[in-house]
């Protein structure tokens, strides 16, 4: 299969390699040698660089930025939106009101407190004091069946959650209304 590497074939190999042909293309032109034989000979001759690449470089087109669409709002719709914003916007910021928790009753005397082993099914299990202190105990007051705490401690433990309607500020509702009107304006 090999015709050998004569001086003429080596000269032609050097010329084709510097012209930028691939090893497969050179093997076809020389005839009688494989692609791997061409690569081996190029390596032994020390022909590292090439004048031009064997294949043209594919250029990736750079996408151009598309202009953003401009929202065109008819004047009568813009007036409605502006009046809705003015109607919903507060004149002055509303003060933030934090719910006030009922004060915890002061710790009872040690004689009134119940130890953990003395707690029954219908007794208040509200802890009083620090568990590390020797005078720690539980309320122990009578509570309704199924309840964990007496009425005083249940009022402290279970605060009613604000409804969804109460929790949203007037500004949030105004912004929501403006977004809704803007969607309607786009048809």
N, C-alpha and C. Protein backbone atom coordinates (compact mmCIF):
# COMPACT_ATOMS: atom_id res chain seq x y z
N UNK A 1 0.82 -1.18 0.00
CA UNK A 1 0.00 0.00 0.00
C UNK A 1 0.86 1.25 0.00
N UNK A 2 2.05 1.19 0.56
CA UNK A 2 2.88 2.39 0.62
C UNK A 2 3.79 2.45 -0.59
N UNK A 3 3.92 3.65 -1.07
CA UNK A 3 4.87 3.89 -2.15
C UNK A 3 6.17 4.43 -1.59
N UNK A 4 6.20 4.60 -0.25
CA UNK A 4 7.42 5.12 0.37
C UNK A 4 7.45 6.63 0.32
N UNK A 5 8.31 7.19 1.15
CA UNK A 5 8.44 8.64 1.22
C UNK A 5 9.69 9.05 0.44
N UNK A 6 9.51 9.28 -0.83
CA UNK A 6 10.62 9.76 -1.65
C UNK A 6 10.78 11.25 -1.42
N UNK A 7 11.89 11.78 -1.92
CA UNK A 7 12.14 13.22 -1.74
C UNK A 7 11.07 14.05 -2.44
N UNK A 8 10.62 13.60 -3.60
CA UNK A 8 9.57 14.34 -4.33
C UNK A 8 8.26 14.34 -3.53
N UNK A 9 7.93 13.18 -2.97
CA UNK A 9 6.66 13.07 -2.20
C UNK A 9 6.74 13.90 -0.91
N UNK A 10 7.91 13.93 -0.27
CA UNK A 10 8.07 14.73 0.95
C UNK A 10 7.96 16.21 0.61
N UNK A 11 8.57 16.63 -0.53
CA UNK A 11 8.48 18.03 -0.96
C UNK A 11 7.03 18.41 -1.23
N UNK A 12 6.30 17.52 -1.93
CA UNK A 12 4.88 17.76 -2.22
C UNK A 12 4.06 17.81 -0.92
N UNK A 13 4.38 16.91 0.03
CA UNK A 13 3.70 16.90 1.34
C UNK A 13 3.90 18.23 2.04
N UNK A 14 5.16 18.75 2.05
CA UNK A 14 5.44 20.02 2.71
C UNK A 14 4.66 21.16 2.07
N UNK A 15 4.60 21.15 0.73
CA UNK A 15 3.89 22.21 0.01
C UNK A 15 2.40 22.16 0.30
N UNK A 16 1.80 20.97 0.22
CA UNK A 16 0.37 20.83 0.47
C UNK A 16 0.02 21.18 1.92
N UNK A 17 0.91 20.79 2.87
CA UNK A 17 0.66 21.08 4.28
C UNK A 17 0.68 22.59 4.54
N UNK A 18 1.66 23.29 3.96
CA UNK A 18 1.74 24.74 4.16
C UNK A 18 0.64 25.47 3.41
N UNK A 19 0.08 24.84 2.35
CA UNK A 19 -1.06 25.45 1.66
C UNK A 19 -2.34 25.34 2.48
N UNK A 20 -2.34 24.50 3.51
CA UNK A 20 -3.50 24.42 4.39
C UNK A 20 -4.41 23.24 4.14
N UNK A 21 -3.98 22.26 3.32
CA UNK A 21 -4.82 21.09 3.09
C UNK A 21 -4.81 20.19 4.32
N UNK A 22 -5.90 19.46 4.50
CA UNK A 22 -5.97 18.54 5.63
C UNK A 22 -5.17 17.28 5.31
N UNK A 23 -4.93 16.48 6.34
CA UNK A 23 -4.16 15.24 6.16
C UNK A 23 -4.89 14.29 5.22
N UNK A 24 -6.22 14.26 5.30
CA UNK A 24 -7.00 13.40 4.39
C UNK A 24 -6.86 13.86 2.95
N UNK A 25 -6.91 15.15 2.74
CA UNK A 25 -6.79 15.68 1.38
C UNK A 25 -5.40 15.41 0.81
N UNK A 26 -4.39 15.55 1.64
CA UNK A 26 -3.01 15.29 1.20
C UNK A 26 -2.83 13.81 0.86
N UNK A 27 -3.42 12.93 1.69
CA UNK A 27 -3.32 11.49 1.44
C UNK A 27 -3.96 11.13 0.11
N UNK A 28 -5.08 11.75 -0.22
CA UNK A 28 -5.73 11.47 -1.51
C UNK A 28 -4.87 11.93 -2.68
N UNK A 29 -4.24 13.11 -2.56
CA UNK A 29 -3.44 13.64 -3.65
C UNK A 29 -2.14 12.83 -3.84
N UNK A 30 -1.56 12.42 -2.73
CA UNK A 30 -0.34 11.64 -2.84
C UNK A 30 -0.61 10.23 -3.35
N UNK A 31 -1.71 9.67 -2.87
CA UNK A 31 -2.05 8.31 -3.27
C UNK A 31 -1.13 7.29 -2.62
N UNK A 32 -1.69 6.19 -2.16
CA UNK A 32 -0.89 5.12 -1.61
C UNK A 32 -0.51 5.32 -0.15
N UNK A 33 -0.98 6.39 0.50
CA UNK A 33 -0.72 6.60 1.93
C UNK A 33 -2.03 6.93 2.63
N UNK A 34 -2.05 6.65 3.91
CA UNK A 34 -3.26 6.93 4.69
C UNK A 34 -3.13 8.30 5.35
N UNK A 35 -4.23 8.73 5.88
CA UNK A 35 -4.28 10.00 6.61
C UNK A 35 -3.33 9.95 7.80
N UNK A 36 -3.33 8.81 8.51
CA UNK A 36 -2.46 8.68 9.67
C UNK A 36 -0.98 8.68 9.27
N UNK A 37 -0.66 8.14 8.10
CA UNK A 37 0.73 8.15 7.64
C UNK A 37 1.18 9.59 7.35
N UNK A 38 0.26 10.39 6.81
CA UNK A 38 0.57 11.81 6.53
C UNK A 38 0.80 12.54 7.85
N UNK A 39 -0.07 12.30 8.82
CA UNK A 39 0.07 12.97 10.12
C UNK A 39 1.39 12.57 10.78
N UNK A 40 1.74 11.30 10.72
CA UNK A 40 3.00 10.85 11.30
C UNK A 40 4.21 11.49 10.63
N UNK A 41 4.20 11.58 9.30
CA UNK A 41 5.33 12.17 8.58
C UNK A 41 5.44 13.66 8.87
N UNK A 42 4.28 14.36 8.96
CA UNK A 42 4.29 15.79 9.29
C UNK A 42 4.90 15.98 10.67
N UNK A 43 4.54 15.11 11.58
CA UNK A 43 5.06 15.20 12.94
C UNK A 43 6.57 14.96 12.96
N UNK A 44 7.03 13.96 12.25
CA UNK A 44 8.47 13.66 12.22
C UNK A 44 9.26 14.76 11.54
N UNK A 45 8.67 15.40 10.53
CA UNK A 45 9.36 16.49 9.84
C UNK A 45 9.30 17.79 10.65
N UNK A 46 8.43 17.85 11.65
CA UNK A 46 8.32 19.05 12.48
C UNK A 46 7.56 20.17 11.80
N UNK A 47 6.63 19.82 10.93
CA UNK A 47 5.82 20.83 10.25
C UNK A 47 4.61 21.16 11.14
N UNK A 48 4.77 22.14 11.98
CA UNK A 48 3.70 22.42 12.92
C UNK A 48 2.70 23.42 12.36
N UNK A 49 3.18 24.55 11.89
CA UNK A 49 2.27 25.62 11.48
C UNK A 49 1.77 25.47 10.07
N UNK A 50 0.72 26.16 9.79
CA UNK A 50 0.16 26.17 8.43
C UNK A 50 -0.04 27.61 8.01
N UNK A 51 -0.11 27.82 6.72
CA UNK A 51 -0.34 29.16 6.19
C UNK A 51 -1.80 29.54 6.34
N UNK A 52 -2.69 28.58 6.09
CA UNK A 52 -4.13 28.87 6.14
C UNK A 52 -4.84 27.67 6.74
N UNK A 53 -5.95 27.84 7.36
CA UNK A 53 -6.69 26.70 7.90
C UNK A 53 -7.27 25.86 6.78
N UNK A 54 -7.51 24.57 7.09
CA UNK A 54 -8.01 23.67 6.07
C UNK A 54 -9.46 23.94 5.71
N UNK A 55 -10.21 24.50 6.64
CA UNK A 55 -11.62 24.82 6.37
C UNK A 55 -11.86 26.30 6.68
N UNK A 56 -12.76 26.88 5.95
CA UNK A 56 -13.08 28.26 6.25
C UNK A 56 -13.76 28.36 7.62
N UNK A 57 -13.49 29.43 8.32
CA UNK A 57 -14.08 29.65 9.63
C UNK A 57 -15.53 30.08 9.45
N UNK A 58 -16.41 29.39 10.17
CA UNK A 58 -17.82 29.76 10.11
C UNK A 58 -18.05 30.94 11.04
N UNK A 59 -18.58 31.97 10.48
CA UNK A 59 -18.87 33.16 11.27
C UNK A 59 -20.29 33.06 11.81
N UNK A 60 -20.42 33.29 13.10
CA UNK A 60 -21.74 33.27 13.72
C UNK A 60 -22.30 34.67 13.65
N UNK A 61 -23.46 34.82 13.04
CA UNK A 61 -24.01 36.17 12.94
C UNK A 61 -24.37 36.71 14.32
N UNK A 62 -24.02 37.95 14.53
CA UNK A 62 -24.32 38.61 15.80
C UNK A 62 -25.75 39.13 15.72
N UNK A 63 -26.60 38.67 16.65
CA UNK A 63 -27.98 39.16 16.59
C UNK A 63 -28.04 40.64 16.93
N UNK A 64 -28.83 41.33 16.17
CA UNK A 64 -29.00 42.75 16.43
C UNK A 64 -30.15 42.93 17.41
N UNK A 65 -30.04 43.91 18.22
CA UNK A 65 -31.06 44.15 19.23
C UNK A 65 -32.31 44.72 18.55
N UNK A 66 -33.42 44.06 18.87
CA UNK A 66 -34.68 44.55 18.32
C UNK A 66 -35.18 45.69 19.20
N UNK A 67 -35.73 46.70 18.60
CA UNK A 67 -36.26 47.78 19.43
C UNK A 67 -37.47 47.30 20.21
N UNK A 68 -37.58 47.77 21.43
CA UNK A 68 -38.72 47.40 22.26
C UNK A 68 -39.96 48.10 21.74
N UNK A 69 -41.08 47.39 21.82
CA UNK A 69 -42.31 48.03 21.37
C UNK A 69 -42.68 49.18 22.31
N UNK A 70 -43.19 50.21 21.72
CA UNK A 70 -43.58 51.39 22.48
C UNK A 70 -45.07 51.28 22.77
N UNK A 71 -45.42 51.43 24.04
CA UNK A 71 -46.81 51.36 24.44
C UNK A 71 -47.48 52.69 24.10
N UNK A 72 -48.44 52.63 23.23
CA UNK A 72 -49.18 53.82 22.85
C UNK A 72 -50.53 53.74 23.53
N UNK A 73 -50.77 54.68 24.43
CA UNK A 73 -52.01 54.70 25.17
C UNK A 73 -52.84 55.87 24.66
N UNK A 74 -54.07 55.60 24.23
CA UNK A 74 -54.92 56.71 23.78
C UNK A 74 -55.12 57.72 24.91
N UNK A 75 -55.29 58.99 24.58
CA UNK A 75 -55.41 60.02 25.61
C UNK A 75 -56.56 59.78 26.59
N UNK A 76 -57.69 59.27 26.10
CA UNK A 76 -58.82 59.07 27.01
C UNK A 76 -58.54 57.95 28.02
N UNK A 77 -57.77 56.93 27.61
CA UNK A 77 -57.41 55.85 28.54
C UNK A 77 -56.37 56.36 29.53
N UNK A 78 -55.40 57.16 29.05
CA UNK A 78 -54.39 57.71 29.95
C UNK A 78 -55.03 58.58 31.02
N UNK A 79 -56.05 59.33 30.65
CA UNK A 79 -56.74 60.18 31.62
C UNK A 79 -57.44 59.32 32.68
N UNK A 80 -58.04 58.20 32.25
CA UNK A 80 -58.71 57.31 33.20
C UNK A 80 -57.70 56.70 34.17
N UNK A 81 -56.56 56.28 33.65
CA UNK A 81 -55.53 55.69 34.50
C UNK A 81 -55.02 56.72 35.49
N UNK A 82 -54.76 57.94 35.02
CA UNK A 82 -54.26 58.98 35.90
C UNK A 82 -55.26 59.33 36.99
N UNK A 83 -56.54 59.39 36.63
CA UNK A 83 -57.55 59.70 37.65
C UNK A 83 -57.68 58.56 38.65
N UNK A 84 -57.53 57.31 38.19
CA UNK A 84 -57.60 56.17 39.10
C UNK A 84 -56.43 56.18 40.07
N UNK A 85 -55.25 56.55 39.58
CA UNK A 85 -54.08 56.61 40.44
C UNK A 85 -54.25 57.71 41.49
N UNK A 86 -54.76 58.85 41.07
CA UNK A 86 -54.97 59.95 42.01
C UNK A 86 -56.02 59.59 43.04
N UNK A 87 -57.06 58.87 42.62
CA UNK A 87 -58.13 58.51 43.55
C UNK A 87 -57.65 57.49 44.58
N UNK A 88 -56.79 56.58 44.16
CA UNK A 88 -56.33 55.53 45.06
C UNK A 88 -55.12 55.92 45.88
N UNK A 89 -54.37 56.90 45.43
CA UNK A 89 -53.16 57.29 46.15
C UNK A 89 -53.53 58.09 47.39
N UNK A 90 -52.94 57.75 48.52
CA UNK A 90 -53.26 58.49 49.74
C UNK A 90 -52.60 59.86 49.74
N UNK A 91 -53.24 60.81 50.40
CA UNK A 91 -52.69 62.15 50.49
C UNK A 91 -51.42 62.13 51.36
N UNK A 92 -51.46 61.40 52.44
CA UNK A 92 -50.30 61.28 53.32
C UNK A 92 -50.10 59.79 53.59
N UNK A 93 -48.87 59.38 53.81
CA UNK A 93 -48.66 57.96 54.07
C UNK A 93 -49.39 57.55 55.34
N UNK A 94 -50.02 56.39 55.26
CA UNK A 94 -50.76 55.87 56.40
C UNK A 94 -49.78 55.41 57.47
N UNK A 95 -50.08 55.72 58.74
CA UNK A 95 -49.17 55.27 59.78
C UNK A 95 -49.22 53.75 59.92
N UNK A 96 -48.09 53.18 60.24
CA UNK A 96 -48.00 51.74 60.41
C UNK A 96 -48.44 51.40 61.83
N UNK A 97 -49.48 50.61 61.91
CA UNK A 97 -50.01 50.23 63.21
C UNK A 97 -49.65 48.78 63.46
N UNK A 98 -48.90 48.56 64.51
CA UNK A 98 -48.53 47.19 64.88
C UNK A 98 -49.52 46.70 65.91
N UNK A 99 -49.96 45.45 65.79
CA UNK A 99 -50.88 44.93 66.80
C UNK A 99 -50.18 44.86 68.15
N UNK A 100 -50.90 45.28 69.17
CA UNK A 100 -50.33 45.27 70.52
C UNK A 100 -50.73 43.98 71.20
N UNK A 101 -49.73 43.24 71.63
CA UNK A 101 -49.99 41.98 72.33
C UNK A 101 -50.38 42.28 73.76
N UNK A 102 -51.27 41.49 74.27
CA UNK A 102 -51.67 41.65 75.67
C UNK A 102 -50.48 41.27 76.54
N UNK A 103 -50.29 41.99 77.62
CA UNK A 103 -49.15 41.67 78.48
C UNK A 103 -49.32 40.31 79.15
N UNK A 104 -48.20 39.64 79.28
CA UNK A 104 -48.21 38.34 79.94
C UNK A 104 -48.38 38.58 81.44
N UNK A 105 -49.27 37.84 82.05
CA UNK A 105 -49.44 38.06 83.49
C UNK A 105 -48.15 37.77 84.23
N UNK A 106 -47.92 38.47 85.32
CA UNK A 106 -46.68 38.24 86.07
C UNK A 106 -46.64 36.81 86.62
N UNK A 107 -45.45 36.29 86.80
CA UNK A 107 -45.36 34.93 87.33
C UNK A 107 -46.09 34.80 88.66
N UNK A 108 -46.76 33.69 88.78
CA UNK A 108 -47.50 33.45 90.00
C UNK A 108 -46.55 32.96 91.09
N UNK A 109 -47.04 32.94 92.30
CA UNK A 109 -46.22 32.45 93.40
C UNK A 109 -45.98 30.96 93.22
N UNK A 110 -44.91 30.49 93.78
CA UNK A 110 -44.56 29.08 93.63
C UNK A 110 -45.66 28.17 94.17
N UNK A 111 -46.39 28.61 95.13
CA UNK A 111 -47.46 27.79 95.68
C UNK A 111 -48.58 27.57 94.69
N UNK A 112 -48.79 28.52 93.74
CA UNK A 112 -49.86 28.41 92.76
C UNK A 112 -49.44 27.60 91.52
N UNK A 113 -48.14 27.45 91.28
CA UNK A 113 -47.65 26.77 90.07
C UNK A 113 -47.74 25.25 90.22
N UNK A 114 -47.88 24.59 89.08
CA UNK A 114 -48.02 23.14 89.02
C UNK A 114 -46.78 22.58 88.33
N UNK A 115 -46.26 21.49 88.82
CA UNK A 115 -45.13 20.82 88.18
C UNK A 115 -45.60 19.99 86.99
N UNK A 116 -44.70 19.61 86.13
CA UNK A 116 -45.03 18.88 84.91
C UNK A 116 -45.69 17.54 85.23
N UNK A 117 -45.31 16.91 86.30
CA UNK A 117 -45.88 15.61 86.63
C UNK A 117 -47.29 15.72 87.21
N UNK A 118 -47.66 16.92 87.66
CA UNK A 118 -48.97 17.12 88.26
C UNK A 118 -50.01 17.64 87.26
N UNK A 119 -49.58 17.96 86.02
CA UNK A 119 -50.51 18.50 85.03
C UNK A 119 -51.53 17.44 84.63
N UNK A 120 -52.79 17.85 84.59
CA UNK A 120 -53.85 16.95 84.16
C UNK A 120 -54.35 17.31 82.78
N UNK A 121 -55.38 16.61 82.32
CA UNK A 121 -55.90 16.79 80.97
C UNK A 121 -56.53 18.16 80.79
N UNK A 122 -57.28 18.67 81.76
CA UNK A 122 -57.98 19.95 81.60
C UNK A 122 -57.31 21.06 82.39
N UNK A 123 -55.98 21.06 82.45
CA UNK A 123 -55.23 22.08 83.17
C UNK A 123 -54.42 22.90 82.18
N UNK A 124 -54.26 24.20 82.45
CA UNK A 124 -53.50 25.11 81.58
C UNK A 124 -52.03 24.74 81.61
N UNK A 125 -51.45 24.61 80.45
CA UNK A 125 -50.06 24.19 80.33
C UNK A 125 -49.15 25.36 79.97
N UNK A 126 -49.54 26.59 80.34
CA UNK A 126 -48.74 27.78 80.06
C UNK A 126 -47.53 27.78 80.98
N UNK A 127 -46.30 27.80 80.40
CA UNK A 127 -45.10 27.78 81.25
C UNK A 127 -44.87 29.15 81.89
N UNK A 128 -44.46 29.14 83.14
CA UNK A 128 -44.18 30.38 83.85
C UNK A 128 -42.78 30.28 84.42
N UNK A 129 -41.94 31.25 84.06
CA UNK A 129 -40.57 31.28 84.53
C UNK A 129 -39.62 30.59 83.58
N UNK A 130 -38.38 30.48 83.99
CA UNK A 130 -37.34 29.86 83.19
C UNK A 130 -37.24 28.39 83.57
N UNK A 131 -37.20 27.49 82.56
CA UNK A 131 -37.14 26.05 82.87
C UNK A 131 -35.91 25.67 83.69
N UNK A 132 -34.87 26.49 83.69
CA UNK A 132 -33.68 26.17 84.46
C UNK A 132 -33.78 26.58 85.92
N UNK A 133 -34.74 27.43 86.25
CA UNK A 133 -34.89 27.91 87.63
C UNK A 133 -35.63 26.87 88.47
N UNK A 134 -35.34 26.82 89.75
CA UNK A 134 -36.05 25.85 90.61
C UNK A 134 -37.52 26.20 90.83
N UNK A 135 -37.91 27.49 90.65
CA UNK A 135 -39.30 27.87 90.85
C UNK A 135 -40.11 27.86 89.56
N UNK A 136 -39.66 27.14 88.54
CA UNK A 136 -40.38 27.02 87.27
C UNK A 136 -41.60 26.13 87.45
N UNK A 137 -42.70 26.49 86.72
CA UNK A 137 -43.90 25.66 86.77
C UNK A 137 -44.87 26.05 85.69
N UNK A 138 -46.08 25.51 85.76
CA UNK A 138 -47.12 25.77 84.78
C UNK A 138 -48.30 26.42 85.48
N UNK A 139 -49.14 27.12 84.69
CA UNK A 139 -50.28 27.84 85.24
C UNK A 139 -51.20 26.89 86.01
N UNK A 140 -51.66 25.84 85.40
CA UNK A 140 -52.48 24.84 86.06
C UNK A 140 -53.93 25.22 86.25
N UNK A 141 -54.36 26.39 85.74
CA UNK A 141 -55.76 26.80 85.89
C UNK A 141 -56.66 25.87 85.08
N UNK A 142 -57.93 25.83 85.46
CA UNK A 142 -58.90 24.98 84.77
C UNK A 142 -59.15 25.54 83.36
N UNK A 143 -59.18 24.67 82.35
CA UNK A 143 -59.48 25.10 80.98
C UNK A 143 -60.53 24.17 80.40
N UNK A 144 -61.21 24.65 79.36
CA UNK A 144 -62.29 23.85 78.76
C UNK A 144 -61.70 22.58 78.14
N UNK A 145 -62.55 21.59 77.96
CA UNK A 145 -62.06 20.29 77.47
C UNK A 145 -61.48 20.45 76.07
N UNK A 146 -60.33 19.87 75.86
CA UNK A 146 -59.64 19.91 74.58
C UNK A 146 -58.73 21.11 74.42
N UNK A 147 -58.83 22.11 75.30
CA UNK A 147 -57.99 23.29 75.21
C UNK A 147 -56.67 23.04 75.93
N UNK A 148 -55.63 23.72 75.48
CA UNK A 148 -54.31 23.56 76.07
C UNK A 148 -54.07 24.63 77.14
N UNK A 149 -54.63 25.84 76.90
CA UNK A 149 -54.42 26.96 77.80
C UNK A 149 -55.75 27.44 78.38
N UNK A 150 -55.65 28.14 79.50
CA UNK A 150 -56.83 28.79 80.06
C UNK A 150 -57.20 29.98 79.18
N UNK A 151 -58.34 30.61 79.42
CA UNK A 151 -58.81 31.69 78.53
C UNK A 151 -57.83 32.85 78.50
N UNK A 152 -57.20 33.23 79.63
CA UNK A 152 -56.26 34.35 79.64
C UNK A 152 -55.02 34.05 78.80
N UNK A 153 -54.47 32.85 78.95
CA UNK A 153 -53.26 32.50 78.20
C UNK A 153 -53.58 32.17 76.74
N UNK A 154 -54.77 31.66 76.45
CA UNK A 154 -55.16 31.40 75.07
C UNK A 154 -55.27 32.70 74.29
N UNK A 155 -55.72 33.78 74.94
CA UNK A 155 -55.82 35.08 74.28
C UNK A 155 -54.44 35.61 73.90
N UNK A 156 -53.43 35.26 74.68
CA UNK A 156 -52.06 35.69 74.37
C UNK A 156 -51.46 34.81 73.29
N UNK A 157 -51.70 33.51 73.39
CA UNK A 157 -51.06 32.55 72.48
C UNK A 157 -51.64 32.59 71.08
N UNK A 158 -52.94 32.78 70.96
CA UNK A 158 -53.59 32.68 69.66
C UNK A 158 -54.08 34.05 69.23
N UNK A 159 -53.24 34.78 68.49
CA UNK A 159 -53.60 36.09 67.96
C UNK A 159 -54.29 35.88 66.61
N UNK A 160 -55.40 36.58 66.35
CA UNK A 160 -56.06 36.41 65.05
C UNK A 160 -55.20 36.99 63.93
N UNK A 161 -55.13 36.27 62.82
CA UNK A 161 -54.37 36.73 61.67
C UNK A 161 -55.16 37.80 60.94
N UNK A 162 -54.44 38.76 60.36
CA UNK A 162 -55.10 39.79 59.57
C UNK A 162 -55.62 39.18 58.29
N UNK A 163 -56.78 39.62 57.88
CA UNK A 163 -57.32 39.09 56.63
C UNK A 163 -56.50 39.62 55.47
N UNK A 164 -56.62 39.00 54.33
CA UNK A 164 -55.85 39.39 53.15
C UNK A 164 -56.21 40.81 52.73
N UNK A 165 -57.45 41.15 52.86
CA UNK A 165 -57.90 42.48 52.46
C UNK A 165 -57.31 43.56 53.38
N UNK A 166 -57.18 43.25 54.66
CA UNK A 166 -56.64 44.22 55.60
C UNK A 166 -55.12 44.35 55.48
N UNK A 167 -54.44 43.26 55.10
CA UNK A 167 -52.99 43.27 55.10
C UNK A 167 -52.40 44.10 53.96
N UNK A 168 -53.08 44.21 52.82
CA UNK A 168 -52.55 44.97 51.70
C UNK A 168 -52.70 46.46 51.93
N UNK A 169 -51.64 47.21 51.63
CA UNK A 169 -51.71 48.66 51.83
C UNK A 169 -52.48 49.30 50.68
N UNK A 170 -52.84 50.54 50.88
CA UNK A 170 -53.58 51.26 49.85
C UNK A 170 -52.72 51.45 48.60
N UNK A 171 -51.41 51.62 48.81
CA UNK A 171 -50.50 51.79 47.67
C UNK A 171 -50.45 50.51 46.83
N UNK A 172 -50.46 49.35 47.50
CA UNK A 172 -50.43 48.07 46.76
C UNK A 172 -51.70 47.92 45.93
N UNK A 173 -52.83 48.27 46.51
CA UNK A 173 -54.09 48.16 45.76
C UNK A 173 -54.11 49.15 44.60
N UNK A 174 -53.54 50.35 44.78
CA UNK A 174 -53.49 51.34 43.71
C UNK A 174 -52.62 50.84 42.57
N UNK A 175 -51.47 50.28 42.90
CA UNK A 175 -50.57 49.76 41.86
C UNK A 175 -51.24 48.62 41.10
N UNK A 176 -51.96 47.77 41.80
CA UNK A 176 -52.66 46.66 41.16
C UNK A 176 -53.73 47.18 40.20
N UNK A 177 -54.44 48.21 40.62
CA UNK A 177 -55.48 48.79 39.76
C UNK A 177 -54.88 49.44 38.53
N UNK A 178 -53.74 50.10 38.67
CA UNK A 178 -53.07 50.73 37.52
C UNK A 178 -52.63 49.66 36.53
N UNK A 179 -52.08 48.56 37.02
CA UNK A 179 -51.67 47.47 36.11
C UNK A 179 -52.87 46.90 35.38
N UNK A 180 -54.01 46.75 36.09
CA UNK A 180 -55.20 46.21 35.46
C UNK A 180 -55.69 47.16 34.36
N UNK A 181 -55.71 48.47 34.62
CA UNK A 181 -56.15 49.43 33.62
C UNK A 181 -55.19 49.47 32.43
N UNK A 182 -53.90 49.33 32.68
CA UNK A 182 -52.93 49.32 31.59
C UNK A 182 -53.14 48.11 30.69
N UNK A 183 -53.46 46.94 31.30
CA UNK A 183 -53.74 45.75 30.48
C UNK A 183 -54.97 45.98 29.62
N UNK A 184 -55.98 46.63 30.19
CA UNK A 184 -57.20 46.90 29.42
C UNK A 184 -56.93 47.87 28.29
N UNK A 185 -56.01 48.79 28.50
CA UNK A 185 -55.70 49.78 27.47
C UNK A 185 -55.02 49.15 26.26
N UNK A 186 -54.32 48.04 26.47
CA UNK A 186 -53.62 47.38 25.36
C UNK A 186 -54.57 46.55 24.50
N UNK A 187 -55.79 46.38 24.94
CA UNK A 187 -56.83 45.65 24.22
C UNK A 187 -56.39 44.23 24.07
